[in-house]
């Protein structure tokens, strides 16, 4: 259940941060809070939440078919978010909107797509001492 709780907290925190950021009148792309560590932390949280829920139930399932059926739901959610409706649509919209902005291109180059992680050092940051 720890994975479920972490996923829930990550998704809610990202959604709250994004909402507060927009309410404050900010424009452009968000790269603060959890978004400093992941381009899509809310989607990561959603995927972790459902995958962890499936893992927590696997011991109560008796047959391999039951386990496979239980795994189908989070697998579908992960595939849908990562490859169909979530990430690809937002990436395309962001590329169209901010694709010529060097700050956005730097953000994409140094920030993990899904899994929150420390930003990468880019060549520009290394050359400038940042």
C-alpha atoms as a PDB file:
ATOM      1  CA  UNK A   1       0.000   0.000   0.000  1.00  0.00           C
ATOM      2  CA  UNK A   2       2.997   2.310   0.335  1.00  0.00           C
ATOM      3  CA  UNK A   3       3.221   2.553  -3.456  1.00  0.00           C
ATOM      4  CA  UNK A   4      -0.464   3.403  -3.675  1.00  0.00           C
ATOM      5  CA  UNK A   5      -0.065   6.137  -1.043  1.00  0.00           C
ATOM      6  CA  UNK A   6       3.034   7.537  -2.760  1.00  0.00           C
ATOM      7  CA  UNK A   7       1.244   7.556  -6.115  1.00  0.00           C
ATOM      8  CA  UNK A   8      -1.793   9.254  -4.616  1.00  0.00           C
ATOM      9  CA  UNK A   9       0.311  11.921  -2.872  1.00  0.00           C
ATOM     10  CA  UNK A  10       2.346  12.526  -6.036  1.00  0.00           C
ATOM     11  CA  UNK A  11      -0.735  12.882  -8.248  1.00  0.00           C
ATOM     12  CA  UNK A  12      -2.630  15.139  -5.847  1.00  0.00           C
ATOM     13  CA  UNK A  13       0.412  17.278  -5.053  1.00  0.00           C
ATOM     14  CA  UNK A  14       1.164  17.811  -8.747  1.00  0.00           C
ATOM     15  CA  UNK A  15      -2.466  18.687  -9.478  1.00  0.00           C
ATOM     16  CA  UNK A  16      -2.632  21.124  -6.543  1.00  0.00           C
ATOM     17  CA  UNK A  17       0.673  22.757  -7.518  1.00  0.00           C
ATOM     18  CA  UNK A  18      -0.427  23.133 -11.137  1.00  0.00           C
ATOM     19  CA  UNK A  19      -3.788  24.589 -10.111  1.00  0.00           C
ATOM     20  CA  UNK A  20      -2.179  27.084  -7.704  1.00  0.00           C
ATOM     21  CA  UNK A  21       0.358  28.034 -10.369  1.00  0.00           C
ATOM     22  CA  UNK A  22      -2.398  28.767 -12.899  1.00  0.00           C
ATOM     23  CA  UNK A  23      -4.560  30.572 -10.313  1.00  0.00           C
ATOM     24  CA  UNK A  24      -1.597  32.846  -9.528  1.00  0.00           C
ATOM     25  CA  UNK A  25      -1.781  34.042 -13.137  1.00  0.00           C
ATOM     26  CA  UNK A  26       1.348  32.320 -14.393  1.00  0.00           C
ATOM     27  CA  UNK A  27       1.632  31.571 -18.072  1.00  0.00           C
ATOM     28  CA  UNK A  28       3.948  29.353 -20.037  1.00  0.00           C
ATOM     29  CA  UNK A  29       5.108  25.927 -18.950  1.00  0.00           C
ATOM     30  CA  UNK A  30       5.451  24.920 -15.320  1.00  0.00           C
ATOM     31  CA  UNK A  31       8.886  23.813 -14.113  1.00  0.00           C
ATOM     32  CA  UNK A  32       8.671  24.252 -10.342  1.00  0.00           C
ATOM     33  CA  UNK A  33       7.567  21.992  -7.496  1.00  0.00           C
ATOM     34  CA  UNK A  34       7.264  18.362  -8.587  1.00  0.00           C
ATOM     35  CA  UNK A  35       7.434  19.560 -12.190  1.00  0.00           C
ATOM     36  CA  UNK A  36      11.107  20.376 -11.584  1.00  0.00           C
ATOM     37  CA  UNK A  37      11.721  16.622 -11.277  1.00  0.00           C
ATOM     38  CA  UNK A  38       9.205  15.227 -13.775  1.00  0.00           C
ATOM     39  CA  UNK A  39       7.449  16.655 -16.802  1.00  0.00           C
ATOM     40  CA  UNK A  40       4.312  14.693 -15.864  1.00  0.00           C
ATOM     41  CA  UNK A  41       4.379  13.910 -12.128  1.00  0.00           C
ATOM     42  CA  UNK A  42       0.586  13.617 -11.954  1.00  0.00           C
ATOM     43  CA  UNK A  43       0.622  10.881 -14.607  1.00  0.00           C
ATOM     44  CA  UNK A  44       3.457   9.116 -12.806  1.00  0.00           C
ATOM     45  CA  UNK A  45       1.385   9.179  -9.620  1.00  0.00           C
ATOM     46  CA  UNK A  46      -1.658   7.789 -11.415  1.00  0.00           C
ATOM     47  CA  UNK A  47       0.324   4.922 -12.917  1.00  0.00           C
ATOM     48  CA  UNK A  48       2.074   4.124  -9.619  1.00  0.00           C
ATOM     49  CA  UNK A  49      -1.214   4.195  -7.729  1.00  0.00           C
ATOM     50  CA  UNK A  50      -2.961   1.631  -9.963  1.00  0.00           C
ATOM     51  CA  UNK A  51       0.088  -0.590 -10.412  1.00  0.00           C
ATOM     52  CA  UNK A  52       0.663  -0.701  -6.655  1.00  0.00           C
ATOM     53  CA  UNK A  53      -2.963  -1.527  -6.010  1.00  0.00           C
ATOM     54  CA  UNK A  54      -2.666  -4.475  -8.383  1.00  0.00           C
ATOM     55  CA  UNK A  55       0.541  -5.674  -6.710  1.00  0.00           C
ATOM     56  CA  UNK A  56      -1.050  -5.472  -3.277  1.00  0.00           C
ATOM     57  CA  UNK A  57      -3.822  -7.837  -4.369  1.00  0.00           C
ATOM     58  CA  UNK A  58      -1.754 -10.418  -6.240  1.00  0.00           C
ATOM     59  CA  UNK A  59      -1.308 -12.760  -3.254  1.00  0.00           C
ATOM     60  CA  UNK A  60      -5.051 -13.089  -2.812  1.00  0.00           C
ATOM     61  CA  UNK A  61      -5.503 -14.273  -6.397  1.00  0.00           C
ATOM     62  CA  UNK A  62      -5.360 -18.038  -6.783  1.00  0.00           C
ATOM     63  CA  UNK A  63      -4.660 -18.738 -10.446  1.00  0.00           C
ATOM     64  CA  UNK A  64      -2.310 -17.264 -13.017  1.00  0.00           C
ATOM     65  CA  UNK A  65      -5.361 -16.252 -15.057  1.00  0.00           C
ATOM     66  CA  UNK A  66      -6.733 -14.226 -12.159  1.00  0.00           C
ATOM     67  CA  UNK A  67      -3.361 -12.539 -11.761  1.00  0.00           C
ATOM     68  CA  UNK A  68      -3.167 -11.811 -15.476  1.00  0.00           C
ATOM     69  CA  UNK A  69      -6.689 -10.383 -15.451  1.00  0.00           C
ATOM     70  CA  UNK A  70      -5.817  -8.200 -12.446  1.00  0.00           C
ATOM     71  CA  UNK A  71      -2.662  -6.937 -14.166  1.00  0.00           C
ATOM     72  CA  UNK A  72      -4.602  -6.020 -17.312  1.00  0.00           C
ATOM     73  CA  UNK A  73      -6.231  -2.968 -15.722  1.00  0.00           C
ATOM     74  CA  UNK A  74      -3.084  -1.131 -14.553  1.00  0.00           C
ATOM     75  CA  UNK A  75      -1.270  -2.209 -17.734  1.00  0.00           C
ATOM     76  CA  UNK A  76      -4.063  -0.640 -19.766  1.00  0.00           C
ATOM     77  CA  UNK A  77      -3.904   2.573 -17.694  1.00  0.00           C
ATOM     78  CA  UNK A  78      -0.107   2.785 -18.085  1.00  0.00           C
ATOM     79  CA  UNK A  79      -0.260   2.192 -21.845  1.00  0.00           C
ATOM     80  CA  UNK A  80      -3.107   4.655 -22.310  1.00  0.00           C
ATOM     81  CA  UNK A  81      -1.411   7.436 -20.328  1.00  0.00           C
ATOM     82  CA  UNK A  82       2.095   6.832 -21.667  1.00  0.00           C
ATOM     83  CA  UNK A  83       1.403   6.026 -25.321  1.00  0.00           C
ATOM     84  CA  UNK A  84      -2.099   7.204 -26.287  1.00  0.00           C
ATOM     85  CA  UNK A  85      -4.008   9.921 -24.474  1.00  0.00           C
ATOM     86  CA  UNK A  86      -1.896  11.444 -21.714  1.00  0.00           C
ATOM     87  CA  UNK A  87       1.768  12.072 -22.344  1.00  0.00           C
ATOM     88  CA  UNK A  88       1.749  12.109 -26.174  1.00  0.00           C
ATOM     89  CA  UNK A  89      -1.080  14.635 -26.410  1.00  0.00           C
ATOM     90  CA  UNK A  90       0.488  16.985 -23.846  1.00  0.00           C
ATOM     91  CA  UNK A  91       3.946  16.623 -25.371  1.00  0.00           C
ATOM     92  CA  UNK A  92       2.583  17.494 -28.815  1.00  0.00           C
ATOM     93  CA  UNK A  93       0.635  20.489 -27.478  1.00  0.00           C
ATOM     94  CA  UNK A  94       3.653  21.726 -25.505  1.00  0.00           C
ATOM     95  CA  UNK A  95       5.961  21.297 -28.490  1.00  0.00           C
ATOM     96  CA  UNK A  96       3.559  23.319 -30.639  1.00  0.00           C
ATOM     97  CA  UNK A  97       3.189  26.017 -27.987  1.00  0.00           C
ATOM     98  CA  UNK A  98       6.749  26.245 -26.608  1.00  0.00           C
ATOM     99  CA  UNK A  99       8.875  24.351 -29.159  1.00  0.00           C
ATOM    100  CA  UNK A 100      10.911  27.412 -30.125  1.00  0.00           C
ATOM    101  CA  UNK A 101      11.478  28.543 -26.533  1.00  0.00           C
ATOM    102  CA  UNK A 102      15.055  27.716 -25.459  1.00  0.00           C
ATOM    103  CA  UNK A 103      13.964  27.578 -21.803  1.00  0.00           C
ATOM    104  CA  UNK A 104      11.364  24.929 -22.621  1.00  0.00           C
ATOM    105  CA  UNK A 105      13.809  22.926 -24.736  1.00  0.00           C
ATOM    106  CA  UNK A 106      16.285  23.017 -21.843  1.00  0.00           C
ATOM    107  CA  UNK A 107      13.575  21.895 -19.433  1.00  0.00           C
ATOM    108  CA  UNK A 108      12.690  18.928 -21.659  1.00  0.00           C
ATOM    109  CA  UNK A 109      16.361  18.003 -22.068  1.00  0.00           C
ATOM    110  CA  UNK A 110      17.113  17.948 -18.343  1.00  0.00           C
ATOM    111  CA  UNK A 111      13.802  16.778 -16.814  1.00  0.00           C
ATOM    112  CA  UNK A 112      12.620  13.185 -16.553  1.00  0.00           C
ATOM    113  CA  UNK A 113       9.543  12.499 -18.646  1.00  0.00           C
ATOM    114  CA  UNK A 114       7.631  10.585 -15.951  1.00  0.00           C
ATOM    115  CA  UNK A 115       9.561   9.250 -12.961  1.00  0.00           C
ATOM    116  CA  UNK A 116      10.491  12.129 -10.656  1.00  0.00           C
ATOM    117  CA  UNK A 117      14.276  12.372 -10.575  1.00  0.00           C
ATOM    118  CA  UNK A 118      16.958  14.978 -10.178  1.00  0.00           C
ATOM    119  CA  UNK A 119      17.390  17.157 -13.288  1.00  0.00           C
ATOM    120  CA  UNK A 120      20.196  16.140 -15.644  1.00  0.00           C
ATOM    121  CA  UNK A 121      23.135  18.435 -16.156  1.00  0.00           C
ATOM    122  CA  UNK A 122      22.867  19.621 -19.758  1.00  0.00           C
ATOM    123  CA  UNK A 123      25.836  20.660 -21.868  1.00  0.00           C
ATOM    124  CA  UNK A 124      24.747  24.304 -21.652  1.00  0.00           C
ATOM    125  CA  UNK A 125      24.586  24.130 -17.854  1.00  0.00           C
ATOM    126  CA  UNK A 126      28.006  22.499 -17.682  1.00  0.00           C
ATOM    127  CA  UNK A 127      29.552  25.113 -19.981  1.00  0.00           C
ATOM    128  CA  UNK A 128      28.051  27.988 -17.999  1.00  0.00           C
ATOM    129  CA  UNK A 129      29.057  26.488 -14.665  1.00  0.00           C
ATOM    130  CA  UNK A 130      25.397  25.839 -13.694  1.00  0.00           C
END
